[in-house]
């Protein structure tokens, strides 16, 4: 499975849409909020890893001519 940062954006926006569902309430809303916290936690780690990869790539060369495959769409 090859996921891209654009896939992460799609998941985050899908979660925003689920949280914006006005018909969601009570336990369903609490469950969705818990799910949103888990998704954002994982997303933060993915972004941190991407940032580390980019910084390592920059450190290896004085200028970035091509981005690492993991950072491209």
PDB file of N, CA and C in Angstrom:
ATOM      1  N   UNK A   1       0.842  -1.169   0.000  1.00  0.00           N
ATOM      2  CA  UNK A   1       0.000   0.000   0.000  1.00  0.00           C
ATOM      3  C   UNK A   1       0.893   1.240   0.000  1.00  0.00           C
ATOM      4  N   UNK A   2       0.674   2.132  -0.946  1.00  0.00           N
ATOM      5  CA  UNK A   2       1.430   3.377  -1.035  1.00  0.00           C
ATOM      6  C   UNK A   2       0.495   4.550  -0.780  1.00  0.00           C
ATOM      7  N   UNK A   3       0.561   5.114   0.389  1.00  0.00           N
ATOM      8  CA  UNK A   3      -0.249   6.280   0.705  1.00  0.00           C
ATOM      9  C   UNK A   3       0.542   7.538   0.429  1.00  0.00           C
ATOM     10  N   UNK A   4      -0.155   8.604   0.118  1.00  0.00           N
ATOM     11  CA  UNK A   4       0.456   9.887  -0.188  1.00  0.00           C
ATOM     12  C   UNK A   4      -0.089  10.931   0.775  1.00  0.00           C
ATOM     13  N   UNK A   5       0.591  12.066   0.836  1.00  0.00           N
ATOM     14  CA  UNK A   5       0.099  13.142   1.692  1.00  0.00           C
ATOM     15  C   UNK A   5      -1.273  13.631   1.239  1.00  0.00           C
ATOM     16  N   UNK A   6      -1.575  13.521  -0.038  1.00  0.00           N
ATOM     17  CA  UNK A   6      -2.906  13.902  -0.511  1.00  0.00           C
ATOM     18  C   UNK A   6      -3.968  12.966   0.076  1.00  0.00           C
ATOM     19  N   UNK A   7      -3.611  11.700   0.300  1.00  0.00           N
ATOM     20  CA  UNK A   7      -4.538  10.762   0.948  1.00  0.00           C
ATOM     21  C   UNK A   7      -4.819  11.202   2.383  1.00  0.00           C
ATOM     22  N   UNK A   8      -3.776  11.665   3.062  1.00  0.00           N
ATOM     23  CA  UNK A   8      -3.946  12.161   4.431  1.00  0.00           C
ATOM     24  C   UNK A   8      -4.900  13.354   4.442  1.00  0.00           C
ATOM     25  N   UNK A   9      -4.707  14.273   3.515  1.00  0.00           N
ATOM     26  CA  UNK A   9      -5.622  15.419   3.424  1.00  0.00           C
ATOM     27  C   UNK A   9      -7.059  14.966   3.213  1.00  0.00           C
ATOM     28  N   UNK A  10      -7.251  13.987   2.337  1.00  0.00           N
ATOM     29  CA  UNK A  10      -8.607  13.478   2.080  1.00  0.00           C
ATOM     30  C   UNK A  10      -9.228  12.909   3.348  1.00  0.00           C
ATOM     31  N   UNK A  11      -8.451  12.156   4.125  1.00  0.00           N
ATOM     32  CA  UNK A  11      -8.968  11.578   5.374  1.00  0.00           C
ATOM     33  C   UNK A  11      -9.315  12.671   6.378  1.00  0.00           C
ATOM     34  N   UNK A  12      -8.460  13.681   6.472  1.00  0.00           N
ATOM     35  CA  UNK A  12      -8.726  14.769   7.422  1.00  0.00           C
ATOM     36  C   UNK A  12      -9.981  15.552   7.039  1.00  0.00           C
ATOM     37  N   UNK A  13     -10.140  15.839   5.757  1.00  0.00           N
ATOM     38  CA  UNK A  13     -11.336  16.561   5.331  1.00  0.00           C
ATOM     39  C   UNK A  13     -12.596  15.702   5.473  1.00  0.00           C
ATOM     40  N   UNK A  14     -12.472  14.407   5.259  1.00  0.00           N
ATOM     41  CA  UNK A  14     -13.618  13.515   5.464  1.00  0.00           C
ATOM     42  C   UNK A  14     -14.043  13.533   6.935  1.00  0.00           C
ATOM     43  N   UNK A  15     -13.061  13.571   7.833  1.00  0.00           N
ATOM     44  CA  UNK A  15     -13.386  13.626   9.259  1.00  0.00           C
ATOM     45  C   UNK A  15     -14.070  14.943   9.608  1.00  0.00           C
ATOM     46  N   UNK A  16     -13.609  16.028   9.020  1.00  0.00           N
ATOM     47  CA  UNK A  16     -14.264  17.328   9.243  1.00  0.00           C
ATOM     48  C   UNK A  16     -15.726  17.254   8.808  1.00  0.00           C
ATOM     49  N   UNK A  17     -15.969  16.625   7.673  1.00  0.00           N
ATOM     50  CA  UNK A  17     -17.346  16.487   7.197  1.00  0.00           C
ATOM     51  C   UNK A  17     -18.186  15.656   8.160  1.00  0.00           C
ATOM     52  N   UNK A  18     -17.609  14.560   8.678  1.00  0.00           N
ATOM     53  CA  UNK A  18     -18.365  13.732   9.631  1.00  0.00           C
ATOM     54  C   UNK A  18     -18.667  14.510  10.903  1.00  0.00           C
ATOM     55  N   UNK A  19     -17.695  15.293  11.375  1.00  0.00           N
ATOM     56  CA  UNK A  19     -17.919  16.080  12.590  1.00  0.00           C
ATOM     57  C   UNK A  19     -18.950  17.190  12.363  1.00  0.00           C
ATOM     58  N   UNK A  20     -19.087  17.642  11.125  1.00  0.00           N
ATOM     59  CA  UNK A  20     -20.056  18.688  10.804  1.00  0.00           C
ATOM     60  C   UNK A  20     -21.461  18.180  10.572  1.00  0.00           C
ATOM     61  N   UNK A  21     -21.657  16.882  10.651  1.00  0.00           N
ATOM     62  CA  UNK A  21     -22.978  16.300  10.443  1.00  0.00           C
ATOM     63  C   UNK A  21     -23.896  16.723  11.584  1.00  0.00           C
ATOM     64  N   UNK A  22     -24.885  17.550  11.265  1.00  0.00           N
ATOM     65  CA  UNK A  22     -25.777  18.080  12.292  1.00  0.00           C
ATOM     66  C   UNK A  22     -26.698  17.020  12.886  1.00  0.00           C
ATOM     67  N   UNK A  23     -26.843  15.892  12.218  1.00  0.00           N
ATOM     68  CA  UNK A  23     -27.680  14.802  12.733  1.00  0.00           C
ATOM     69  C   UNK A  23     -26.944  13.946  13.754  1.00  0.00           C
ATOM     70  N   UNK A  24     -25.648  14.170  13.888  1.00  0.00           N
ATOM     71  CA  UNK A  24     -24.833  13.401  14.823  1.00  0.00           C
ATOM     72  C   UNK A  24     -24.997  13.976  16.218  1.00  0.00           C
ATOM     73  N   UNK A  25     -25.264  13.120  17.171  1.00  0.00           N
ATOM     74  CA  UNK A  25     -25.418  13.606  18.534  1.00  0.00           C
ATOM     75  C   UNK A  25     -25.189  12.488  19.536  1.00  0.00           C
ATOM     76  N   UNK A  26     -25.182  12.843  20.788  1.00  0.00           N
ATOM     77  CA  UNK A  26     -25.056  11.871  21.867  1.00  0.00           C
ATOM     78  C   UNK A  26     -23.812  11.024  21.767  1.00  0.00           C
ATOM     79  N   UNK A  27     -24.008   9.722  21.910  1.00  0.00           N
ATOM     80  CA  UNK A  27     -22.893   8.774  21.898  1.00  0.00           C
ATOM     81  C   UNK A  27     -22.206   8.716  20.542  1.00  0.00           C
ATOM     82  N   UNK A  28     -22.971   8.883  19.472  1.00  0.00           N
ATOM     83  CA  UNK A  28     -22.368   8.867  18.131  1.00  0.00           C
ATOM     84  C   UNK A  28     -21.397  10.038  17.976  1.00  0.00           C
ATOM     85  N   UNK A  29     -21.784  11.195  18.476  1.00  0.00           N
ATOM     86  CA  UNK A  29     -20.913  12.371  18.398  1.00  0.00           C
ATOM     87  C   UNK A  29     -19.667  12.173  19.249  1.00  0.00           C
ATOM     88  N   UNK A  30     -19.842  11.630  20.443  1.00  0.00           N
ATOM     89  CA  UNK A  30     -18.688  11.359  21.303  1.00  0.00           C
ATOM     90  C   UNK A  30     -17.726  10.384  20.634  1.00  0.00           C
ATOM     91  N   UNK A  31     -18.266   9.351  19.998  1.00  0.00           N
ATOM     92  CA  UNK A  31     -17.425   8.369  19.305  1.00  0.00           C
ATOM     93  C   UNK A  31     -16.693   9.026  18.138  1.00  0.00           C
ATOM     94  N   UNK A  32     -17.373   9.901  17.418  1.00  0.00           N
ATOM     95  CA  UNK A  32     -16.742  10.577  16.279  1.00  0.00           C
ATOM     96  C   UNK A  32     -15.654  11.531  16.740  1.00  0.00           C
ATOM     97  N   UNK A  33     -15.872  12.206  17.854  1.00  0.00           N
ATOM     98  CA  UNK A  33     -14.850  13.098  18.411  1.00  0.00           C
ATOM     99  C   UNK A  33     -13.629  12.286  18.838  1.00  0.00           C
ATOM    100  N   UNK A  34     -13.850  11.135  19.443  1.00  0.00           N
ATOM    101  CA  UNK A  34     -12.741  10.263  19.835  1.00  0.00           C
ATOM    102  C   UNK A  34     -11.971   9.794  18.607  1.00  0.00           C
ATOM    103  N   UNK A  35     -12.711   9.435  17.581  1.00  0.00           N
ATOM    104  CA  UNK A  35     -12.082   9.014  16.320  1.00  0.00           C
ATOM    105  C   UNK A  35     -11.268  10.162  15.725  1.00  0.00           C
ATOM    106  N   UNK A  36     -11.801  11.371  15.769  1.00  0.00           N
ATOM    107  CA  UNK A  36     -11.098  12.546  15.234  1.00  0.00           C
ATOM    108  C   UNK A  36      -9.790  12.774  15.974  1.00  0.00           C
ATOM    109  N   UNK A  37      -9.809  12.607  17.291  1.00  0.00           N
ATOM    110  CA  UNK A  37      -8.575  12.758  18.081  1.00  0.00           C
ATOM    111  C   UNK A  37      -7.540  11.718  17.655  1.00  0.00           C
ATOM    112  N   UNK A  38      -7.970  10.494  17.437  1.00  0.00           N
ATOM    113  CA  UNK A  38      -7.040   9.438  17.005  1.00  0.00           C
ATOM    114  C   UNK A  38      -6.477   9.749  15.621  1.00  0.00           C
ATOM    115  N   UNK A  39      -7.334  10.178  14.714  1.00  0.00           N
ATOM    116  CA  UNK A  39      -6.890  10.501  13.356  1.00  0.00           C
ATOM    117  C   UNK A  39      -5.892  11.648  13.369  1.00  0.00           C
ATOM    118  N   UNK A  40      -6.175  12.691  14.132  1.00  0.00           N
ATOM    119  CA  UNK A  40      -5.255  13.826  14.160  1.00  0.00           C
ATOM    120  C   UNK A  40      -3.929  13.461  14.821  1.00  0.00           C
ATOM    121  N   UNK A  41      -3.960  12.556  15.787  1.00  0.00           N
ATOM    122  CA  UNK A  41      -2.717  12.094  16.409  1.00  0.00           C
ATOM    123  C   UNK A  41      -1.841  11.364  15.411  1.00  0.00           C
ATOM    124  N   UNK A  42      -2.443  10.474  14.639  1.00  0.00           N
ATOM    125  CA  UNK A  42      -1.691   9.741  13.622  1.00  0.00           C
ATOM    126  C   UNK A  42      -1.226  10.701  12.530  1.00  0.00           C
ATOM    127  N   UNK A  43      -2.093  11.621  12.125  1.00  0.00           N
ATOM    128  CA  UNK A  43      -1.725  12.597  11.091  1.00  0.00           C
ATOM    129  C   UNK A  43      -0.530  13.433  11.534  1.00  0.00           C
ATOM    130  N   UNK A  44      -0.510  13.826  12.782  1.00  0.00           N
ATOM    131  CA  UNK A  44       0.619  14.609  13.298  1.00  0.00           C
ATOM    132  C   UNK A  44       1.924  13.830  13.197  1.00  0.00           C
ATOM    133  N   UNK A  45       1.878  12.547  13.487  1.00  0.00           N
ATOM    134  CA  UNK A  45       3.077  11.721  13.379  1.00  0.00           C
ATOM    135  C   UNK A  45       3.530  11.575  11.924  1.00  0.00           C
ATOM    136  N   UNK A  46       2.570  11.428  11.023  1.00  0.00           N
ATOM    137  CA  UNK A  46       2.906  11.317   9.600  1.00  0.00           C
ATOM    138  C   UNK A  46       3.577  12.604   9.129  1.00  0.00           C
ATOM    139  N   UNK A  47       3.020  13.739   9.531  1.00  0.00           N
ATOM    140  CA  UNK A  47       3.586  15.027   9.145  1.00  0.00           C
ATOM    141  C   UNK A  47       4.976  15.197   9.750  1.00  0.00           C
ATOM    142  N   UNK A  48       5.151  14.815  11.000  1.00  0.00           N
ATOM    143  CA  UNK A  48       6.470  14.899  11.641  1.00  0.00           C
ATOM    144  C   UNK A  48       7.492  14.028  10.918  1.00  0.00           C
ATOM    145  N   UNK A  49       7.078  12.831  10.534  1.00  0.00           N
ATOM    146  CA  UNK A  49       7.987  11.937   9.809  1.00  0.00           C
ATOM    147  C   UNK A  49       8.360  12.524   8.449  1.00  0.00           C
ATOM    148  N   UNK A  50       7.376  13.109   7.766  1.00  0.00           N
ATOM    149  CA  UNK A  50       7.650  13.749   6.483  1.00  0.00           C
ATOM    150  C   UNK A  50       8.605  14.920   6.636  1.00  0.00           C
ATOM    151  N   UNK A  51       8.416  15.693   7.699  1.00  0.00           N
ATOM    152  CA  UNK A  51       9.304  16.819   7.973  1.00  0.00           C
ATOM    153  C   UNK A  51      10.727  16.329   8.238  1.00  0.00           C
ATOM    154  N   UNK A  52      10.864  15.273   9.004  1.00  0.00           N
ATOM    155  CA  UNK A  52      12.178  14.698   9.280  1.00  0.00           C
ATOM    156  C   UNK A  52      12.837  14.221   7.996  1.00  0.00           C
ATOM    157  N   UNK A  53      12.087  13.544   7.158  1.00  0.00           N
ATOM    158  CA  UNK A  53      12.611  13.055   5.886  1.00  0.00           C
ATOM    159  C   UNK A  53      13.079  14.221   5.015  1.00  0.00           C
ATOM    160  N   UNK A  54      12.300  15.281   4.960  1.00  0.00           N
ATOM    161  CA  UNK A  54      12.670  16.446   4.168  1.00  0.00           C
ATOM    162  C   UNK A  54      13.928  17.116   4.722  1.00  0.00           C
ATOM    163  N   UNK A  55      14.000  17.271   6.038  1.00  0.00           N
ATOM    164  CA  UNK A  55      15.190  17.879   6.644  1.00  0.00           C
ATOM    165  C   UNK A  55      16.433  17.027   6.399  1.00  0.00           C
ATOM    166  N   UNK A  56      16.286  15.713   6.454  1.00  0.00           N
ATOM    167  CA  UNK A  56      17.423  14.827   6.180  1.00  0.00           C
ATOM    168  C   UNK A  56      17.857  14.966   4.721  1.00  0.00           C
ATOM    169  N   UNK A  57      16.887  15.066   3.840  1.00  0.00           N
ATOM    170  CA  UNK A  57      17.195  15.217   2.421  1.00  0.00           C
ATOM    171  C   UNK A  57      17.921  16.544   2.171  1.00  0.00           C
ATOM    172  N   UNK A  58      17.474  17.598   2.814  1.00  0.00           N
ATOM    173  CA  UNK A  58      18.116  18.910   2.681  1.00  0.00           C
ATOM    174  C   UNK A  58      19.527  18.869   3.258  1.00  0.00           C
ATOM    175  N   UNK A  59      19.689  18.221   4.391  1.00  0.00           N
ATOM    176  CA  UNK A  59      21.005  18.132   5.018  1.00  0.00           C
ATOM    177  C   UNK A  59      21.987  17.360   4.137  1.00  0.00           C
ATOM    178  N   UNK A  60      21.471  16.390   3.399  1.00  0.00           N
ATOM    179  CA  UNK A  60      22.325  15.569   2.535  1.00  0.00           C
ATOM    180  C   UNK A  60      22.825  16.367   1.332  1.00  0.00           C
ATOM    181  N   UNK A  61      22.023  17.282   0.856  1.00  0.00           N
ATOM    182  CA  UNK A  61      22.433  18.107  -0.278  1.00  0.00           C
ATOM    183  C   UNK A  61      22.178  19.571   0.060  1.00  0.00           C
ATOM    184  N   UNK A  62      22.925  20.444  -0.534  1.00  0.00           N
ATOM    185  CA  UNK A  62      22.774  21.869  -0.237  1.00  0.00           C
ATOM    186  C   UNK A  62      21.453  22.429  -0.734  1.00  0.00           C
ATOM    187  N   UNK A  63      20.910  21.870  -1.782  1.00  0.00           N
ATOM    188  CA  UNK A  63      19.621  22.319  -2.289  1.00  0.00           C
ATOM    189  C   UNK A  63      18.804  21.115  -2.706  1.00  0.00           C
ATOM    190  N   UNK A  64      17.500  21.271  -2.623  1.00  0.00           N
ATOM    191  CA  UNK A  64      16.599  20.181  -2.983  1.00  0.00           C
ATOM    192  C   UNK A  64      16.279  20.304  -4.468  1.00  0.00           C
ATOM    193  N   UNK A  65      16.750  19.336  -5.232  1.00  0.00           N
ATOM    194  CA  UNK A  65      16.455  19.328  -6.660  1.00  0.00           C
ATOM    195  C   UNK A  65      15.219  18.487  -6.934  1.00  0.00           C
ATOM    196  N   UNK A  66      15.077  17.392  -6.219  1.00  0.00           N
ATOM    197  CA  UNK A  66      13.886  16.555  -6.325  1.00  0.00           C
ATOM    198  C   UNK A  66      13.467  16.171  -4.921  1.00  0.00           C
ATOM    199  N   UNK A  67      12.176  16.183  -4.701  1.00  0.00           N
ATOM    200  CA  UNK A  67      11.669  15.792  -3.393  1.00  0.00           C
ATOM    201  C   UNK A  67      11.680  14.279  -3.259  1.00  0.00           C
ATOM    202  N   UNK A  68      11.856  13.781  -2.044  1.00  0.00           N
ATOM    203  CA  UNK A  68      11.767  12.333  -1.837  1.00  0.00           C
ATOM    204  C   UNK A  68      10.403  11.819  -2.268  1.00  0.00           C
ATOM    205  N   UNK A  69      10.337  10.618  -2.776  1.00  0.00           N
ATOM    206  CA  UNK A  69       9.106  10.014  -3.288  1.00  0.00           C
ATOM    207  C   UNK A  69       7.978  10.072  -2.256  1.00  0.00           C
ATOM    208  N   UNK A  70       8.282   9.916  -0.988  1.00  0.00           N
ATOM    209  CA  UNK A  70       7.266   9.900   0.053  1.00  0.00           C
ATOM    210  C   UNK A  70       6.551  11.235   0.190  1.00  0.00           C
ATOM    211  N   UNK A  71       7.145  12.329  -0.304  1.00  0.00           N
ATOM    212  CA  UNK A  71       6.562  13.660  -0.151  1.00  0.00           C
ATOM    213  C   UNK A  71       5.842  14.139  -1.396  1.00  0.00           C
ATOM    214  N   UNK A  72       5.846  13.353  -2.455  1.00  0.00           N
ATOM    215  CA  UNK A  72       5.215  13.781  -3.686  1.00  0.00           C
ATOM    216  C   UNK A  72       3.853  13.129  -3.860  1.00  0.00           C
ATOM    217  N   UNK A  73       3.019  13.778  -4.607  1.00  0.00           N
ATOM    218  CA  UNK A  73       1.689  13.229  -4.911  1.00  0.00           C
ATOM    219  C   UNK A  73       1.848  12.302  -6.039  1.00  0.00           C
TER     220      UNK A  73
END
